[in-house]
Amino acid sequence: MGVRPWLLQDAKAQFSALVDAALNGQPQHVTRRGKAAVVVVSEVEYARLSQGSRAKVAPDFISHLLSMPRRPRGGAQRSSPSDNQRVLKLRDVDFK
């Protein structure tokens, strides 16, 4: 952490100083009952961190299923896949 963390009661009493330090680019760690509780960061830093985490999030399961290649109604095989779809080749498996 580098800088001594704030006790919760001190953070409450000196909230303006805590906010000023966070705005100056120094994340402020606050403890509660002797354990790390929260980190206060500036809005700019929060937006930067949030954007980075959103970019790395995997698509949800429903989106994943909907993006899978599928045959058109009637069961006819597509002549050519669209640009964003892969054609999966299935293989027979013999469990004898």
PDB file of N, CA and C in Angstrom:
ATOM      1  N   MET A   1       0.821  -1.194   0.000  1.00  0.00           N
ATOM      2  CA  MET A   1       0.000   0.000   0.000  1.00  0.00           C
ATOM      3  C   MET A   1       0.866   1.258   0.000  1.00  0.00           C
ATOM      4  N   GLY A   2       1.993   1.254   0.630  1.00  0.00           N
ATOM      5  CA  GLY A   2       2.859   2.423   0.626  1.00  0.00           C
ATOM      6  C   GLY A   2       2.447   3.449   1.656  1.00  0.00           C
ATOM      7  N   VAL A   3       1.309   4.078   1.479  1.00  0.00           N
ATOM      8  CA  VAL A   3       0.805   5.094   2.402  1.00  0.00           C
ATOM      9  C   VAL A   3      -0.026   4.403   3.481  1.00  0.00           C
ATOM     10  N   ARG A   4       0.079   4.892   4.697  1.00  0.00           N
ATOM     11  CA  ARG A   4      -0.665   4.311   5.816  1.00  0.00           C
ATOM     12  C   ARG A   4      -2.162   4.395   5.532  1.00  0.00           C
ATOM     13  N   PRO A   5      -2.888   3.288   5.735  1.00  0.00           N
ATOM     14  CA  PRO A   5      -4.333   3.314   5.482  1.00  0.00           C
ATOM     15  C   PRO A   5      -5.065   4.162   6.519  1.00  0.00           C
ATOM     16  N   TRP A   6      -6.197   4.666   6.121  1.00  0.00           N
ATOM     17  CA  TRP A   6      -7.050   5.449   7.012  1.00  0.00           C
ATOM     18  C   TRP A   6      -7.872   4.509   7.891  1.00  0.00           C
ATOM     19  N   LEU A   7      -8.005   4.838   9.165  1.00  0.00           N
ATOM     20  CA  LEU A   7      -8.998   4.182  10.005  1.00  0.00           C
ATOM     21  C   LEU A   7     -10.347   4.768   9.610  1.00  0.00           C
ATOM     22  N   LEU A   8     -11.398   3.993   9.675  1.00  0.00           N
ATOM     23  CA  LEU A   8     -12.708   4.461   9.233  1.00  0.00           C
ATOM     24  C   LEU A   8     -13.120   5.747   9.934  1.00  0.00           C
ATOM     25  N   GLN A   9     -12.932   5.814  11.251  1.00  0.00           N
ATOM     26  CA  GLN A   9     -13.344   7.020  11.978  1.00  0.00           C
ATOM     27  C   GLN A   9     -12.521   8.238  11.551  1.00  0.00           C
ATOM     28  N   ASP A  10     -11.225   8.045  11.218  1.00  0.00           N
ATOM     29  CA  ASP A  10     -10.407   9.158  10.733  1.00  0.00           C
ATOM     30  C   ASP A  10     -10.842   9.577   9.328  1.00  0.00           C
ATOM     31  N   ALA A  11     -11.188   8.601   8.501  1.00  0.00           N
ATOM     32  CA  ALA A  11     -11.652   8.909   7.146  1.00  0.00           C
ATOM     33  C   ALA A  11     -12.934   9.725   7.195  1.00  0.00           C
ATOM     34  N   LYS A  12     -13.829   9.399   8.141  1.00  0.00           N
ATOM     35  CA  LYS A  12     -15.066  10.170   8.296  1.00  0.00           C
ATOM     36  C   LYS A  12     -14.758  11.594   8.734  1.00  0.00           C
ATOM     37  N   ALA A  13     -13.880  11.726   9.716  1.00  0.00           N
ATOM     38  CA  ALA A  13     -13.570  13.043  10.275  1.00  0.00           C
ATOM     39  C   ALA A  13     -12.804  13.921   9.295  1.00  0.00           C
ATOM     40  N   GLN A  14     -11.989  13.309   8.435  1.00  0.00           N
ATOM     41  CA  GLN A  14     -11.156  14.080   7.507  1.00  0.00           C
ATOM     42  C   GLN A  14     -11.478  13.714   6.056  1.00  0.00           C
ATOM     43  N   PHE A  15     -12.747  13.583   5.780  1.00  0.00           N
ATOM     44  CA  PHE A  15     -13.178  13.127   4.460  1.00  0.00           C
ATOM     45  C   PHE A  15     -12.678  14.039   3.344  1.00  0.00           C
ATOM     46  N   SER A  16     -12.661  15.325   3.577  1.00  0.00           N
ATOM     47  CA  SER A  16     -12.192  16.268   2.559  1.00  0.00           C
ATOM     48  C   SER A  16     -10.731  15.996   2.198  1.00  0.00           C
ATOM     49  N   ALA A  17      -9.893  15.721   3.186  1.00  0.00           N
ATOM     50  CA  ALA A  17      -8.480  15.418   2.930  1.00  0.00           C
ATOM     51  C   ALA A  17      -8.345  14.093   2.177  1.00  0.00           C
ATOM     52  N   LEU A  18      -9.164  13.120   2.528  1.00  0.00           N
ATOM     53  CA  LEU A  18      -9.156  11.832   1.850  1.00  0.00           C
ATOM     54  C   LEU A  18      -9.515  12.008   0.372  1.00  0.00           C
ATOM     55  N   VAL A  19     -10.554  12.805   0.099  1.00  0.00           N
ATOM     56  CA  VAL A  19     -10.979  13.062  -1.284  1.00  0.00           C
ATOM     57  C   VAL A  19      -9.893  13.814  -2.044  1.00  0.00           C
ATOM     58  N   ASP A  20      -9.283  14.819  -1.423  1.00  0.00           N
ATOM     59  CA  ASP A  20      -8.208  15.573  -2.085  1.00  0.00           C
ATOM     60  C   ASP A  20      -7.056  14.654  -2.483  1.00  0.00           C
ATOM     61  N   ALA A  21      -6.666  13.752  -1.584  1.00  0.00           N
ATOM     62  CA  ALA A  21      -5.572  12.829  -1.890  1.00  0.00           C
ATOM     63  C   ALA A  21      -5.956  11.899  -3.047  1.00  0.00           C
ATOM     64  N   ALA A  22      -7.192  11.422  -3.060  1.00  0.00           N
ATOM     65  CA  ALA A  22      -7.653  10.556  -4.154  1.00  0.00           C
ATOM     66  C   ALA A  22      -7.671  11.318  -5.475  1.00  0.00           C
ATOM     67  N   LEU A  23      -8.089  12.582  -5.436  1.00  0.00           N
ATOM     68  CA  LEU A  23      -8.111  13.406  -6.652  1.00  0.00           C
ATOM     69  C   LEU A  23      -6.709  13.689  -7.173  1.00  0.00           C
ATOM     70  N   ASN A  24      -5.718  13.632  -6.298  1.00  0.00           N
ATOM     71  CA  ASN A  24      -4.326  13.847  -6.702  1.00  0.00           C
ATOM     72  C   ASN A  24      -3.675  12.560  -7.195  1.00  0.00           C
ATOM     73  N   GLY A  25      -4.477  11.540  -7.444  1.00  0.00           N
ATOM     74  CA  GLY A  25      -3.961  10.307  -8.028  1.00  0.00           C
ATOM     75  C   GLY A  25      -3.436   9.295  -7.033  1.00  0.00           C
ATOM     76  N   GLN A  26      -3.728   9.482  -5.763  1.00  0.00           N
ATOM     77  CA  GLN A  26      -3.256   8.553  -4.739  1.00  0.00           C
ATOM     78  C   GLN A  26      -4.449   7.767  -4.190  1.00  0.00           C
ATOM     79  N   PRO A  27      -4.602   6.504  -4.559  1.00  0.00           N
ATOM     80  CA  PRO A  27      -5.705   5.715  -4.008  1.00  0.00           C
ATOM     81  C   PRO A  27      -5.631   5.697  -2.481  1.00  0.00           C
ATOM     82  N   GLN A  28      -6.762   5.859  -1.833  1.00  0.00           N
ATOM     83  CA  GLN A  28      -6.812   5.936  -0.374  1.00  0.00           C
ATOM     84  C   GLN A  28      -7.466   4.681   0.187  1.00  0.00           C
ATOM     85  N   HIS A  29      -6.698   3.931   0.949  1.00  0.00           N
ATOM     86  CA  HIS A  29      -7.177   2.692   1.559  1.00  0.00           C
ATOM     87  C   HIS A  29      -7.788   3.013   2.915  1.00  0.00           C
ATOM     88  N   VAL A  30      -8.957   2.442   3.179  1.00  0.00           N
ATOM     89  CA  VAL A  30      -9.660   2.660   4.446  1.00  0.00           C
ATOM     90  C   VAL A  30      -9.881   1.303   5.101  1.00  0.00           C
ATOM     91  N   THR A  31      -9.566   1.235   6.406  1.00  0.00           N
ATOM     92  CA  THR A  31      -9.778  -0.005   7.149  1.00  0.00           C
ATOM     93  C   THR A  31     -11.001   0.121   8.045  1.00  0.00           C
ATOM     94  N   ARG A  32     -11.590  -1.021   8.342  1.00  0.00           N
ATOM     95  CA  ARG A  32     -12.751  -1.076   9.237  1.00  0.00           C
ATOM     96  C   ARG A  32     -12.530  -2.250  10.181  1.00  0.00           C
ATOM     97  N   ARG A  33     -12.521  -1.963  11.448  1.00  0.00           N
ATOM     98  CA  ARG A  33     -12.252  -2.980  12.479  1.00  0.00           C
ATOM     99  C   ARG A  33     -10.931  -3.696  12.228  1.00  0.00           C
ATOM    100  N   GLY A  34      -9.932  -2.940  11.776  1.00  0.00           N
ATOM    101  CA  GLY A  34      -8.593  -3.486  11.575  1.00  0.00           C
ATOM    102  C   GLY A  34      -8.376  -4.247  10.284  1.00  0.00           C
ATOM    103  N   LYS A  35      -9.391  -4.336   9.436  1.00  0.00           N
ATOM    104  CA  LYS A  35      -9.268  -5.064   8.170  1.00  0.00           C
ATOM    105  C   LYS A  35      -9.484  -4.111   7.002  1.00  0.00           C
ATOM    106  N   ALA A  36      -8.771  -4.364   5.896  1.00  0.00           N
ATOM    107  CA  ALA A  36      -8.955  -3.554   4.694  1.00  0.00           C
ATOM    108  C   ALA A  36     -10.422  -3.604   4.279  1.00  0.00           C
ATOM    109  N   ALA A  37     -11.009  -2.428   4.019  1.00  0.00           N
ATOM    110  CA  ALA A  37     -12.437  -2.371   3.692  1.00  0.00           C
ATOM    111  C   ALA A  37     -12.684  -1.813   2.297  1.00  0.00           C
ATOM    112  N   VAL A  38     -12.183  -0.618   2.020  1.00  0.00           N
ATOM    113  CA  VAL A  38     -12.443   0.018   0.728  1.00  0.00           C
ATOM    114  C   VAL A  38     -11.219   0.800   0.277  1.00  0.00           C
ATOM    115  N   VAL A  39     -11.230   1.127  -1.007  1.00  0.00           N
ATOM    116  CA  VAL A  39     -10.221   2.013  -1.578  1.00  0.00           C
ATOM    117  C   VAL A  39     -10.970   3.135  -2.273  1.00  0.00           C
ATOM    118  N   VAL A  40     -10.600   4.373  -1.966  1.00  0.00           N
ATOM    119  CA  VAL A  40     -11.225   5.539  -2.587  1.00  0.00           C
ATOM    120  C   VAL A  40     -10.300   6.018  -3.698  1.00  0.00           C
ATOM    121  N   VAL A  41     -10.848   6.119  -4.919  1.00  0.00           N
ATOM    122  CA  VAL A  41     -10.087   6.611  -6.066  1.00  0.00           C
ATOM    123  C   VAL A  41     -10.875   7.728  -6.738  1.00  0.00           C
ATOM    124  N   SER A  42     -10.197   8.497  -7.579  1.00  0.00           N
ATOM    125  CA  SER A  42     -10.868   9.583  -8.295  1.00  0.00           C
ATOM    126  C   SER A  42     -11.834   9.015  -9.331  1.00  0.00           C
ATOM    127  N   GLU A  43     -12.758   9.843  -9.783  1.00  0.00           N
ATOM    128  CA  GLU A  43     -13.723   9.435 -10.813  1.00  0.00           C
ATOM    129  C   GLU A  43     -13.002   9.039 -12.095  1.00  0.00           C
ATOM    130  N   VAL A  44     -11.945   9.775 -12.442  1.00  0.00           N
ATOM    131  CA  VAL A  44     -11.183   9.480 -13.659  1.00  0.00           C
ATOM    132  C   VAL A  44     -10.546   8.092 -13.555  1.00  0.00           C
ATOM    133  N   GLU A  45      -9.938   7.801 -12.411  1.00  0.00           N
ATOM    134  CA  GLU A  45      -9.306   6.494 -12.215  1.00  0.00           C
ATOM    135  C   GLU A  45     -10.351   5.378 -12.214  1.00  0.00           C
ATOM    136  N   TYR A  46     -11.483   5.624 -11.584  1.00  0.00           N
ATOM    137  CA  TYR A  46     -12.558   4.629 -11.558  1.00  0.00           C
ATOM    138  C   TYR A  46     -13.041   4.321 -12.983  1.00  0.00           C
ATOM    139  N   ALA A  47     -13.235   5.358 -13.796  1.00  0.00           N
ATOM    140  CA  ALA A  47     -13.686   5.156 -15.178  1.00  0.00           C
ATOM    141  C   ALA A  47     -12.654   4.355 -15.962  1.00  0.00           C
ATOM    142  N   ARG A  48     -11.379   4.660 -15.757  1.00  0.00           N
ATOM    143  CA  ARG A  48     -10.315   3.932 -16.452  1.00  0.00           C
ATOM    144  C   ARG A  48     -10.319   2.459 -16.046  1.00  0.00           C
ATOM    145  N   LEU A  49     -10.431   2.202 -14.754  1.00  0.00           N
ATOM    146  CA  LEU A  49     -10.445   0.823 -14.269  1.00  0.00           C
ATOM    147  C   LEU A  49     -11.699   0.082 -14.726  1.00  0.00           C
ATOM    148  N   SER A  50     -12.830   0.754 -14.724  1.00  0.00           N
ATOM    149  CA  SER A  50     -14.084   0.124 -15.148  1.00  0.00           C
ATOM    150  C   SER A  50     -14.048  -0.230 -16.621  1.00  0.00           C
ATOM    151  N   GLN A  51     -13.516   0.647 -17.433  1.00  0.00           N
ATOM    152  CA  GLN A  51     -13.434   0.398 -18.869  1.00  0.00           C
ATOM    153  C   GLN A  51     -12.553  -0.804 -19.144  1.00  0.00           C
ATOM    154  N   GLY A  52     -11.438  -0.909 -18.448  1.00  0.00           N
ATOM    155  CA  GLY A  52     -10.538  -2.039 -18.638  1.00  0.00           C
ATOM    156  C   GLY A  52     -11.177  -3.353 -18.255  1.00  0.00           C
ATOM    157  N   SER A  53     -11.949  -3.359 -17.187  1.00  0.00           N
ATOM    158  CA  SER A  53     -12.572  -4.606 -16.753  1.00  0.00           C
ATOM    159  C   SER A  53     -13.693  -5.014 -17.692  1.00  0.00           C
ATOM    160  N   ARG A  54     -14.405  -4.060 -18.256  1.00  0.00           N
ATOM    161  CA  ARG A  54     -15.479  -4.395 -19.196  1.00  0.00           C
ATOM    162  C   ARG A  54     -14.921  -5.006 -20.471  1.00  0.00           C
ATOM    163  N   ALA A  55     -13.758  -4.536 -20.894  1.00  0.00           N
ATOM    164  CA  ALA A  55     -13.177  -5.045 -22.131  1.00  0.00           C
ATOM    165  C   ALA A  55     -12.748  -6.502 -21.992  1.00  0.00           C
ATOM    166  N   LYS A  56     -12.433  -6.938 -20.776  1.00  0.00           N
ATOM    167  CA  LYS A  56     -11.936  -8.288 -20.558  1.00  0.00           C
ATOM    168  C   LYS A  56     -13.026  -9.283 -20.195  1.00  0.00           C
ATOM    169  N   VAL A  57     -14.215  -8.820 -19.970  1.00  0.00           N
ATOM    170  CA  VAL A  57     -15.295  -9.702 -19.537  1.00  0.00           C
ATOM    171  C   VAL A  57     -15.719 -10.590 -20.700  1.00  0.00           C
ATOM    172  N   ALA A  58     -15.832 -11.870 -20.428  1.00  0.00           N
ATOM    173  CA  ALA A  58     -16.274 -12.812 -21.455  1.00  0.00           C
ATOM    174  C   ALA A  58     -17.755 -12.604 -21.724  1.00  0.00           C
ATOM    175  N   PRO A  59     -18.199 -12.900 -22.929  1.00  0.00           N
ATOM    176  CA  PRO A  59     -19.631 -12.753 -23.211  1.00  0.00           C
ATOM    177  C   PRO A  59     -20.432 -13.700 -22.329  1.00  0.00           C
ATOM    178  N   ASP A  60     -21.652 -13.311 -22.027  1.00  0.00           N
ATOM    179  CA  ASP A  60     -22.477 -14.183 -21.202  1.00  0.00           C
ATOM    180  C   ASP A  60     -22.852 -15.439 -21.991  1.00  0.00           C
ATOM    181  N   PHE A  61     -23.335 -16.425 -21.297  1.00  0.00           N
ATOM    182  CA  PHE A  61     -23.590 -17.730 -21.897  1.00  0.00           C
ATOM    183  C   PHE A  61     -24.628 -17.670 -23.011  1.00  0.00           C
ATOM    184  N   ILE A  62     -25.664 -16.883 -22.834  1.00  0.00           N
ATOM    185  CA  ILE A  62     -26.702 -16.782 -23.866  1.00  0.00           C
ATOM    186  C   ILE A  62     -26.120 -16.179 -25.139  1.00  0.00           C
ATOM    187  N   SER A  63     -25.317 -15.123 -25.007  1.00  0.00           N
ATOM    188  CA  SER A  63     -24.678 -14.527 -26.188  1.00  0.00           C
ATOM    189  C   SER A  63     -23.780 -15.540 -26.876  1.00  0.00           C
ATOM    190  N   HIS A  64     -23.079 -16.325 -26.071  1.00  0.00           N
ATOM    191  CA  HIS A  64     -22.209 -17.360 -26.633  1.00  0.00           C
ATOM    192  C   HIS A  64     -23.023 -18.362 -27.457  1.00  0.00           C
ATOM    193  N   LEU A  65     -24.126 -18.836 -26.894  1.00  0.00           N
ATOM    194  CA  LEU A  65     -24.955 -19.800 -27.616  1.00  0.00           C
ATOM    195  C   LEU A  65     -25.545 -19.200 -28.886  1.00  0.00           C
ATOM    196  N   LEU A  66     -25.978 -17.960 -28.811  1.00  0.00           N
ATOM    197  CA  LEU A  66     -26.579 -17.324 -29.983  1.00  0.00           C
ATOM    198  C   LEU A  66     -25.560 -17.065 -31.083  1.00  0.00           C
ATOM    199  N   SER A  67     -24.285 -17.004 -30.745  1.00  0.00           N
ATOM    200  CA  SER A  67     -23.264 -16.742 -31.756  1.00  0.00           C
ATOM    201  C   SER A  67     -22.796 -18.019 -32.452  1.00  0.00           C
ATOM    202  N   MET A  68     -23.263 -19.172 -31.980  1.00  0.00           N
ATOM    203  CA  MET A  68     -22.843 -20.442 -32.576  1.00  0.00           C
ATOM    204  C   MET A  68     -23.436 -20.590 -33.974  1.00  0.00           C
ATOM    205  N   PRO A  69     -22.688 -21.237 -34.892  1.00  0.00           N
ATOM    206  CA  PRO A  69     -23.220 -21.471 -36.233  1.00  0.00           C
ATOM    207  C   PRO A  69     -24.437 -22.388 -36.163  1.00  0.00           C
ATOM    208  N   ARG A  70     -25.397 -22.143 -36.997  1.00  0.00           N
ATOM    209  CA  ARG A  70     -26.591 -22.988 -37.001  1.00  0.00           C
ATOM    210  C   ARG A  70     -27.112 -23.128 -38.427  1.00  0.00           C
ATOM    211  N   ARG A  71     -27.844 -24.201 -38.626  1.00  0.00           N
ATOM    212  CA  ARG A  71     -28.421 -24.449 -39.947  1.00  0.00           C
ATOM    213  C   ARG A  71     -29.706 -23.659 -40.091  1.00  0.00           C
ATOM    214  N   PRO A  72     -29.999 -23.213 -41.303  1.00  0.00           N
ATOM    215  CA  PRO A  72     -31.277 -22.536 -41.517  1.00  0.00           C
ATOM    216  C   PRO A  72     -32.421 -23.527 -41.342  1.00  0.00           C
ATOM    217  N   ARG A  73     -33.624 -23.016 -41.141  1.00  0.00           N
ATOM    218  CA  ARG A  73     -34.797 -23.891 -40.983  1.00  0.00           C
ATOM    219  C   ARG A  73     -34.919 -24.797 -42.196  1.00  0.00           C
ATOM    220  N   GLY A  74     -35.293 -26.025 -41.972  1.00  0.00           N
ATOM    221  CA  GLY A  74     -35.381 -27.000 -43.055  1.00  0.00           C
ATOM    222  C   GLY A  74     -34.174 -27.915 -43.082  1.00  0.00           C
ATOM    223  N   GLY A  75     -33.139 -27.597 -42.338  1.00  0.00           N
ATOM    224  CA  GLY A  75     -31.981 -28.463 -42.205  1.00  0.00           C
ATOM    225  C   GLY A  75     -30.969 -28.394 -43.323  1.00  0.00           C
ATOM    226  N   ALA A  76     -31.187 -27.555 -44.338  1.00  0.00           N
ATOM    227  CA  ALA A  76     -30.225 -27.471 -45.434  1.00  0.00           C
ATOM    228  C   ALA A  76     -28.922 -26.845 -44.942  1.00  0.00           C
ATOM    229  N   GLN A  77     -27.814 -27.387 -45.417  1.00  0.00           N
ATOM    230  CA  GLN A  77     -26.503 -26.865 -45.034  1.00  0.00           C
ATOM    231  C   GLN A  77     -26.270 -25.530 -45.734  1.00  0.00           C
ATOM    232  N   ARG A  78     -25.682 -24.582 -45.029  1.00  0.00           N
ATOM    233  CA  ARG A  78     -25.349 -23.298 -45.649  1.00  0.00           C
ATOM    234  C   ARG A  78     -24.274 -23.494 -46.697  1.00  0.00           C
ATOM    235  N   SER A  79     -24.372 -22.735 -47.766  1.00  0.00           N
ATOM    236  CA  SER A  79     -23.349 -22.845 -48.797  1.00  0.00           C
ATOM    237  C   SER A  79     -22.076 -22.126 -48.366  1.00  0.00           C
ATOM    238  N   SER A  80     -22.204 -21.016 -47.665  1.00  0.00           N
ATOM    239  CA  SER A  80     -21.010 -20.317 -47.167  1.00  0.00           C
ATOM    240  C   SER A  80     -21.358 -19.618 -45.855  1.00  0.00           C
ATOM    241  N   PRO A  81     -20.472 -19.739 -44.876  1.00  0.00           N
ATOM    242  CA  PRO A  81     -20.743 -19.100 -43.586  1.00  0.00           C
ATOM    243  C   PRO A  81     -20.583 -17.589 -43.686  1.00  0.00           C
ATOM    244  N   SER A  82     -21.260 -16.875 -42.808  1.00  0.00           N
ATOM    245  CA  SER A  82     -21.068 -15.429 -42.777  1.00  0.00           C
ATOM    246  C   SER A  82     -19.690 -15.138 -42.194  1.00  0.00           C
ATOM    247  N   ASP A  83     -19.243 -13.896 -42.315  1.00  0.00           N
ATOM    248  CA  ASP A  83     -17.899 -13.513 -41.888  1.00  0.00           C
ATOM    249  C   ASP A  83     -17.638 -13.775 -40.408  1.00  0.00           C
ATOM    250  N   ASN A  84     -18.655 -13.627 -39.571  1.00  0.00           N
ATOM    251  CA  ASN A  84     -18.429 -13.750 -38.134  1.00  0.00           C
ATOM    252  C   ASN A  84     -18.746 -15.137 -37.587  1.00  0.00           C
ATOM    253  N   GLN A  85     -18.946 -16.124 -38.444  1.00  0.00           N
ATOM    254  CA  GLN A  85     -19.272 -17.462 -37.965  1.00  0.00           C
ATOM    255  C   GLN A  85     -18.288 -18.489 -38.508  1.00  0.00           C
ATOM    256  N   ARG A  86     -17.959 -19.447 -37.650  1.00  0.00           N
ATOM    257  CA  ARG A  86     -17.116 -20.568 -38.053  1.00  0.00           C
ATOM    258  C   ARG A  86     -18.021 -21.758 -38.325  1.00  0.00           C
ATOM    259  N   VAL A  87     -17.602 -22.596 -39.232  1.00  0.00           N
ATOM    260  CA  VAL A  87     -18.334 -23.833 -39.481  1.00  0.00           C
ATOM    261  C   VAL A  87     -17.633 -24.924 -38.689  1.00  0.00           C
ATOM    262  N   LEU A  88     -18.381 -25.585 -37.826  1.00  0.00           N
ATOM    263  CA  LEU A  88     -17.822 -26.664 -37.024  1.00  0.00           C
ATOM    264  C   LEU A  88     -18.051 -27.984 -37.738  1.00  0.00           C
ATOM    265  N   LYS A  89     -16.999 -28.760 -37.869  1.00  0.00           N
ATOM    266  CA  LYS A  89     -17.127 -30.081 -38.481  1.00  0.00           C
ATOM    267  C   LYS A  89     -17.260 -31.087 -37.351  1.00  0.00           C
ATOM    268  N   LEU A  90     -18.386 -31.787 -37.329  1.00  0.00           N
ATOM    269  CA  LEU A  90     -18.629 -32.787 -36.307  1.00  0.00           C
ATOM    270  C   LEU A  90     -18.078 -34.122 -36.776  1.00  0.00           C
ATOM    271  N   ARG A  91     -17.686 -34.945 -35.827  1.00  0.00           N
ATOM    272  CA  ARG A  91     -17.168 -36.262 -36.192  1.00  0.00           C
ATOM    273  C   ARG A  91     -17.974 -37.328 -35.477  1.00  0.00           C
ATOM    274  N   ASP A  92     -18.040 -38.493 -36.097  1.00  0.00           N
ATOM    275  CA  ASP A  92     -18.718 -39.626 -35.474  1.00  0.00           C
ATOM    276  C   ASP A  92     -17.802 -40.227 -34.426  1.00  0.00           C
ATOM    277  N   VAL A  93     -18.379 -40.617 -33.312  1.00  0.00           N
ATOM    278  CA  VAL A  93     -17.618 -41.257 -32.244  1.00  0.00           C
ATOM    279  C   VAL A  93     -18.232 -42.616 -31.986  1.00  0.00           C
ATOM    280  N   ASP A  94     -17.411 -43.635 -31.971  1.00  0.00           N
ATOM    281  CA  ASP A  94     -17.877 -44.994 -31.735  1.00  0.00           C
ATOM    282  C   ASP A  94     -17.518 -45.378 -30.306  1.00  0.00           C
ATOM    283  N   PHE A  95     -18.508 -45.682 -29.492  1.00  0.00           N
ATOM    284  CA  PHE A  95     -18.280 -46.003 -28.087  1.00  0.00           C
ATOM    285  C   PHE A  95     -18.309 -47.509 -27.823  1.00  0.00           C
ATOM    286  N   LYS A  96     -17.877 -48.310 -28.761  1.00  0.00           N
ATOM    287  CA  LYS A  96     -17.878 -49.775 -28.585  1.00  0.00           C
ATOM    288  C   LYS A  96     -16.719 -50.203 -27.734  1.00  0.00           C
TER     289      LYS A  96
END
